[in-house]
Amino acid sequence: MPPKQRFTSVWSRQSAPKATPVREHPALSRDHIVKAAVELLDAEGLDALSMRRLGSRLGSGATSIYWHVSNKDQLLELALDEVYSEVRLPDPDVTGWHDTAAAFAYGMREAVLGHPWSVTLIGSMPSIGPNALKAISALSTAMQLGGFAGVTLEFAVSSIVSYTLGATTPEAGWINTVGRSGADQAEWVADMSAQLHIAGAEHPELIARYDSLHDLDVTQMRRLSFDYGLSALLDGLALRLHQT
């Protein structure tokens, strides 16, 4: 039987003892490392990130990075939590649960689409950093203030998070795919449209529906689609809140 793989989160990592000699202290701060990692990921994607590549970008050796993280997975944890820092929620006492939940969903969507590489990490590694916990705690507090309680509170929060990520994941995947292709979105859509007419010849009703939307702005349609689904979800939660 192969040995069990244990994931050790960077957030459980203890800081270096105060007695560490000055020469062993890192030349770089964690903030600088995380910022550079996010910039590299945004520019070139997950496959481009390595300790050596990041060290070169920072003008430092990989040793300085290892003082802060034990491995690449921990570095990705830090980068992922930086994405969560862009999800900013209003005061639920002022806005209420409905608008706070909407702010979470829209904020999370924009953060992920702004850093589409992050969608591969969400769910594959724990989101237990301070920014992630702050966002989910604020959402949970808002839902609780709105009247959700017990397992219903857990289900309501889970529904919002699941819808947001479920709707955003294909969008981020599409952005990643287009980026790797070297084409812009309009070129990619035009190319796939021609292929769809061949592959979908036995489904003319789908082709006709697709053609009717062809001249619409793709980005705007994705936003409207997300808005429609989120509104339906929140309206449904509001109805369930008042049911026995």
Protein backbone atom coordinates (compact mmCIF):
# COMPACT_ATOMS: atom_id res chain seq x y z
CA MET A 1 0.00 0.00 0.00
CA PRO A 2 1.46 3.39 -1.00
CA PRO A 3 2.09 5.87 1.82
CA LYS A 4 -0.68 8.35 2.55
CA GLN A 5 -0.22 11.80 1.07
CA ARG A 6 -0.66 14.47 3.74
CA PHE A 7 -1.23 18.08 2.73
CA THR A 8 0.39 20.59 5.09
CA SER A 9 -1.14 24.02 4.68
CA VAL A 10 1.05 27.09 4.67
CA TRP A 11 -1.36 28.57 7.20
CA SER A 12 -0.34 25.92 9.72
CA ARG A 13 3.34 26.67 9.20
CA GLN A 14 5.03 28.05 12.27
CA SER A 15 7.16 31.14 11.91
CA ALA A 16 10.92 30.89 12.28
CA PRO A 17 12.23 31.15 15.86
CA LYS A 18 13.43 34.53 17.00
CA ALA A 19 16.89 33.11 17.63
CA THR A 20 17.46 32.57 13.89
CA PRO A 21 20.70 34.37 12.91
CA VAL A 22 20.26 37.55 10.93
CA ARG A 23 22.04 36.11 7.88
CA GLU A 24 19.32 33.45 7.61
CA HIS A 25 16.46 35.91 7.52
CA PRO A 26 14.77 36.23 4.14
CA ALA A 27 15.79 39.05 1.86
CA LEU A 28 12.18 39.21 0.64
CA SER A 29 8.91 39.65 2.47
CA ARG A 30 6.03 37.25 2.01
CA ASP A 31 3.95 40.06 0.48
CA HIS A 32 6.58 40.69 -2.20
CA ILE A 33 6.77 36.99 -3.01
CA VAL A 34 3.00 36.59 -3.25
CA LYS A 35 2.61 39.69 -5.41
CA ALA A 36 5.28 38.48 -7.83
CA ALA A 37 3.75 35.00 -7.93
CA VAL A 38 0.31 36.38 -8.77
CA GLU A 39 1.77 38.59 -11.50
CA LEU A 40 3.58 35.61 -13.02
CA LEU A 41 0.45 33.45 -12.85
CA ASP A 42 -1.67 36.18 -14.42
CA ALA A 43 0.80 36.63 -17.25
CA GLU A 44 1.69 33.03 -18.03
CA GLY A 45 -0.58 30.64 -16.12
CA LEU A 46 -0.03 27.80 -13.65
CA ASP A 47 2.45 25.86 -15.75
CA ALA A 48 4.88 28.79 -15.76
CA LEU A 49 5.23 28.99 -11.98
CA SER A 50 8.26 27.43 -10.34
CA MET A 51 10.37 28.40 -7.38
CA ARG A 52 13.37 29.02 -9.62
CA ARG A 53 11.35 31.07 -12.11
CA LEU A 54 9.85 33.16 -9.33
CA GLY A 55 13.23 33.65 -7.68
CA SER A 56 14.62 34.92 -10.97
CA ARG A 57 11.71 37.31 -11.33
CA LEU A 58 12.38 38.64 -7.86
CA GLY A 59 16.13 38.91 -8.45
CA SER A 60 16.75 36.44 -5.67
CA GLY A 61 17.49 32.75 -5.23
CA ALA A 62 14.86 30.17 -4.41
CA THR A 63 16.29 29.93 -0.88
CA SER A 64 14.63 33.21 0.13
CA ILE A 65 11.27 31.87 -1.04
CA TYR A 66 11.68 28.59 0.87
CA TRP A 67 12.09 30.57 4.07
CA HIS A 68 8.42 31.50 3.69
CA VAL A 69 6.98 28.35 2.08
CA SER A 70 8.02 24.70 2.08
CA ASN A 71 6.98 23.91 -1.49
CA LYS A 72 5.13 25.12 -4.56
CA ASP A 73 1.73 24.03 -3.22
CA GLN A 74 2.12 26.34 -0.25
CA LEU A 75 3.08 29.16 -2.59
CA LEU A 76 -0.09 28.53 -4.58
CA GLU A 77 -2.08 28.64 -1.35
CA LEU A 78 -0.75 32.11 -0.70
CA ALA A 79 -1.53 33.21 -4.25
CA LEU A 80 -5.06 31.80 -4.03
CA ASP A 81 -5.76 33.64 -0.80
CA GLU A 82 -4.57 36.84 -2.47
CA VAL A 83 -7.38 36.32 -5.00
CA TYR A 84 -9.88 36.11 -2.14
CA SER A 85 -8.63 39.48 -0.89
CA GLU A 86 -10.43 41.08 -3.85
CA VAL A 87 -13.83 39.90 -2.55
CA ARG A 88 -15.01 42.85 -0.49
CA LEU A 89 -18.39 42.72 1.21
CA PRO A 90 -20.57 45.52 2.62
CA ASP A 91 -21.80 45.70 6.18
CA PRO A 92 -24.66 43.15 6.37
CA ASP A 93 -26.36 45.18 9.11
CA VAL A 94 -26.78 47.95 6.54
CA THR A 95 -27.33 46.08 3.28
CA GLY A 96 -29.11 42.92 4.47
CA TRP A 97 -28.44 39.30 3.52
CA HIS A 98 -29.72 39.52 -0.05
CA ASP A 99 -27.41 42.32 -1.19
CA THR A 100 -24.48 40.95 0.81
CA ALA A 101 -24.89 37.57 -0.86
CA ALA A 102 -25.05 39.25 -4.26
CA ALA A 103 -21.92 41.25 -3.47
CA PHE A 104 -20.12 38.03 -2.52
CA ALA A 105 -21.17 36.30 -5.74
CA TYR A 106 -20.26 39.19 -8.03
CA GLY A 107 -17.03 39.85 -6.14
CA MET A 108 -15.98 36.21 -6.25
CA ARG A 109 -16.78 35.98 -9.96
CA GLU A 110 -14.76 39.07 -10.81
CA ALA A 111 -11.82 37.90 -8.68
CA VAL A 112 -11.70 34.48 -10.34
CA LEU A 113 -12.12 35.85 -13.87
CA GLY A 114 -9.41 38.41 -13.15
CA HIS A 115 -7.12 35.51 -12.21
CA PRO A 116 -8.50 32.58 -14.24
CA TRP A 117 -5.68 30.24 -13.16
CA SER A 118 -7.21 30.26 -9.67
CA VAL A 119 -10.21 28.20 -10.75
CA THR A 120 -7.98 25.10 -10.96
CA LEU A 121 -6.90 25.56 -7.35
CA ILE A 122 -10.31 26.20 -5.77
CA GLY A 123 -11.50 22.88 -4.44
CA SER A 124 -8.20 21.13 -5.08
CA MET A 125 -6.52 22.79 -2.08
CA PRO A 126 -7.95 24.18 1.15
CA SER A 127 -9.10 27.79 1.19
CA ILE A 128 -8.29 28.48 4.83
CA GLY A 129 -6.24 31.64 4.48
CA PRO A 130 -7.26 34.86 6.26
CA ASN A 131 -8.84 36.47 3.20
CA ALA A 132 -10.87 33.38 2.28
CA LEU A 133 -12.09 32.91 5.84
CA LYS A 134 -12.95 36.60 6.14
CA ALA A 135 -15.10 36.47 3.00
CA ILE A 136 -16.98 33.29 3.91
CA SER A 137 -17.42 34.47 7.51
CA ALA A 138 -18.96 37.74 6.33
CA LEU A 139 -21.33 35.87 4.01
CA SER A 140 -22.32 33.45 6.79
CA THR A 141 -22.93 36.29 9.23
CA ALA A 142 -25.14 38.08 6.71
CA MET A 143 -27.22 34.97 6.06
CA GLN A 144 -27.57 34.34 9.78
CA LEU A 145 -28.70 37.91 10.41
CA GLY A 146 -31.23 37.42 7.64
CA GLY A 147 -32.87 34.55 9.51
CA PHE A 148 -31.15 31.43 8.21
CA ALA A 149 -30.14 29.08 11.01
CA GLY A 150 -28.80 25.60 11.71
CA VAL A 151 -28.32 23.33 8.71
CA THR A 152 -30.45 25.73 6.65
CA LEU A 153 -27.76 28.36 7.15
CA GLU A 154 -25.10 25.91 5.95
CA PHE A 155 -27.18 24.93 2.92
CA ALA A 156 -27.90 28.56 2.00
CA VAL A 157 -24.24 29.59 2.19
CA SER A 158 -23.20 26.47 0.28
CA SER A 159 -25.79 27.19 -2.44
CA ILE A 160 -24.42 30.68 -3.03
CA VAL A 161 -20.80 29.53 -3.11
CA SER A 162 -21.62 26.53 -5.31
CA TYR A 163 -23.60 28.59 -7.81
CA THR A 164 -20.92 31.27 -8.02
CA LEU A 165 -18.08 28.84 -8.61
CA GLY A 166 -20.16 26.50 -10.75
CA ALA A 167 -21.15 29.30 -13.11
CA THR A 168 -17.72 30.94 -13.10
CA THR A 169 -15.57 27.84 -13.62
CA PRO A 170 -16.57 27.35 -17.29
CA GLU A 171 -16.01 31.06 -17.92
CA ALA A 172 -12.53 30.94 -16.42
CA GLY A 173 -11.78 27.74 -18.31
CA TRP A 174 -12.84 29.42 -21.55
CA ILE A 175 -10.60 32.42 -20.83
CA ASN A 176 -7.68 30.05 -20.16
CA THR A 177 -8.35 28.13 -23.37
CA VAL A 178 -8.58 31.27 -25.50
CA GLY A 179 -5.42 32.62 -23.90
CA ARG A 180 -3.46 29.46 -24.71
CA SER A 181 -4.73 29.49 -28.31
CA GLY A 182 -3.14 32.85 -29.05
CA ALA A 183 -6.40 34.09 -30.64
CA ASP A 184 -8.67 36.80 -29.31
CA GLN A 185 -12.19 35.95 -28.16
CA ALA A 186 -13.89 37.03 -31.40
CA GLU A 187 -11.57 34.85 -33.49
CA TRP A 188 -12.06 31.87 -31.20
CA VAL A 189 -15.87 32.23 -31.28
CA ALA A 190 -15.90 32.52 -35.08
CA ASP A 191 -13.73 29.42 -35.44
CA MET A 192 -15.88 27.36 -33.06
CA SER A 193 -19.05 28.57 -34.77
CA ALA A 194 -17.92 27.08 -38.06
CA GLN A 195 -17.05 23.79 -36.37
CA LEU A 196 -20.37 23.72 -34.49
CA HIS A 197 -22.31 23.92 -37.77
CA ILE A 198 -20.54 20.74 -38.86
CA ALA A 199 -20.68 18.84 -35.58
CA GLY A 200 -24.28 19.87 -34.83
CA ALA A 201 -25.78 19.20 -38.26
CA GLU A 202 -28.29 16.77 -36.73
CA HIS A 203 -29.53 19.41 -34.28
CA PRO A 204 -30.71 22.32 -36.45
CA GLU A 205 -32.77 23.82 -33.63
CA LEU A 206 -29.60 24.29 -31.55
CA ILE A 207 -27.72 25.76 -34.50
CA ALA A 208 -30.57 28.22 -35.15
CA ARG A 209 -30.63 29.28 -31.51
CA TYR A 210 -26.87 29.72 -31.46
CA ASP A 211 -26.95 31.75 -34.69
CA SER A 212 -29.61 34.05 -33.23
CA LEU A 213 -27.17 35.01 -30.46
CA HIS A 214 -24.08 35.20 -32.64
CA ASP A 215 -24.03 38.99 -33.02
CA LEU A 216 -24.40 39.67 -29.29
CA ASP A 217 -21.44 40.65 -27.13
CA VAL A 218 -20.06 37.46 -25.58
CA THR A 219 -18.78 39.11 -22.41
CA GLN A 220 -22.07 40.92 -21.81
CA MET A 221 -24.07 37.74 -22.41
CA ARG A 222 -21.98 35.88 -19.82
CA ARG A 223 -22.62 38.63 -17.31
CA LEU A 224 -26.36 38.62 -17.98
CA SER A 225 -26.47 34.83 -17.72
CA PHE A 226 -24.72 34.95 -14.35
CA ASP A 227 -27.06 37.69 -13.15
CA TYR A 228 -30.13 35.72 -14.22
CA GLY A 229 -29.06 32.58 -12.38
CA LEU A 230 -28.01 34.45 -9.24
CA SER A 231 -31.28 36.39 -9.10
CA ALA A 232 -33.24 33.14 -9.42
CA LEU A 233 -31.20 31.55 -6.63
CA LEU A 234 -31.57 34.48 -4.23
CA ASP A 235 -35.30 34.76 -4.95
CA GLY A 236 -35.65 31.06 -4.20
CA LEU A 237 -33.74 31.40 -0.92
CA ALA A 238 -35.97 34.31 0.08
CA LEU A 239 -39.06 32.14 -0.47
CA ARG A 240 -37.63 29.24 1.50
CA LEU A 241 -36.68 31.56 4.35
CA HIS A 242 -40.36 32.25 4.99
CA GLN A 243 -41.52 28.63 4.63
CA THR A 244 -42.00 26.36 7.60
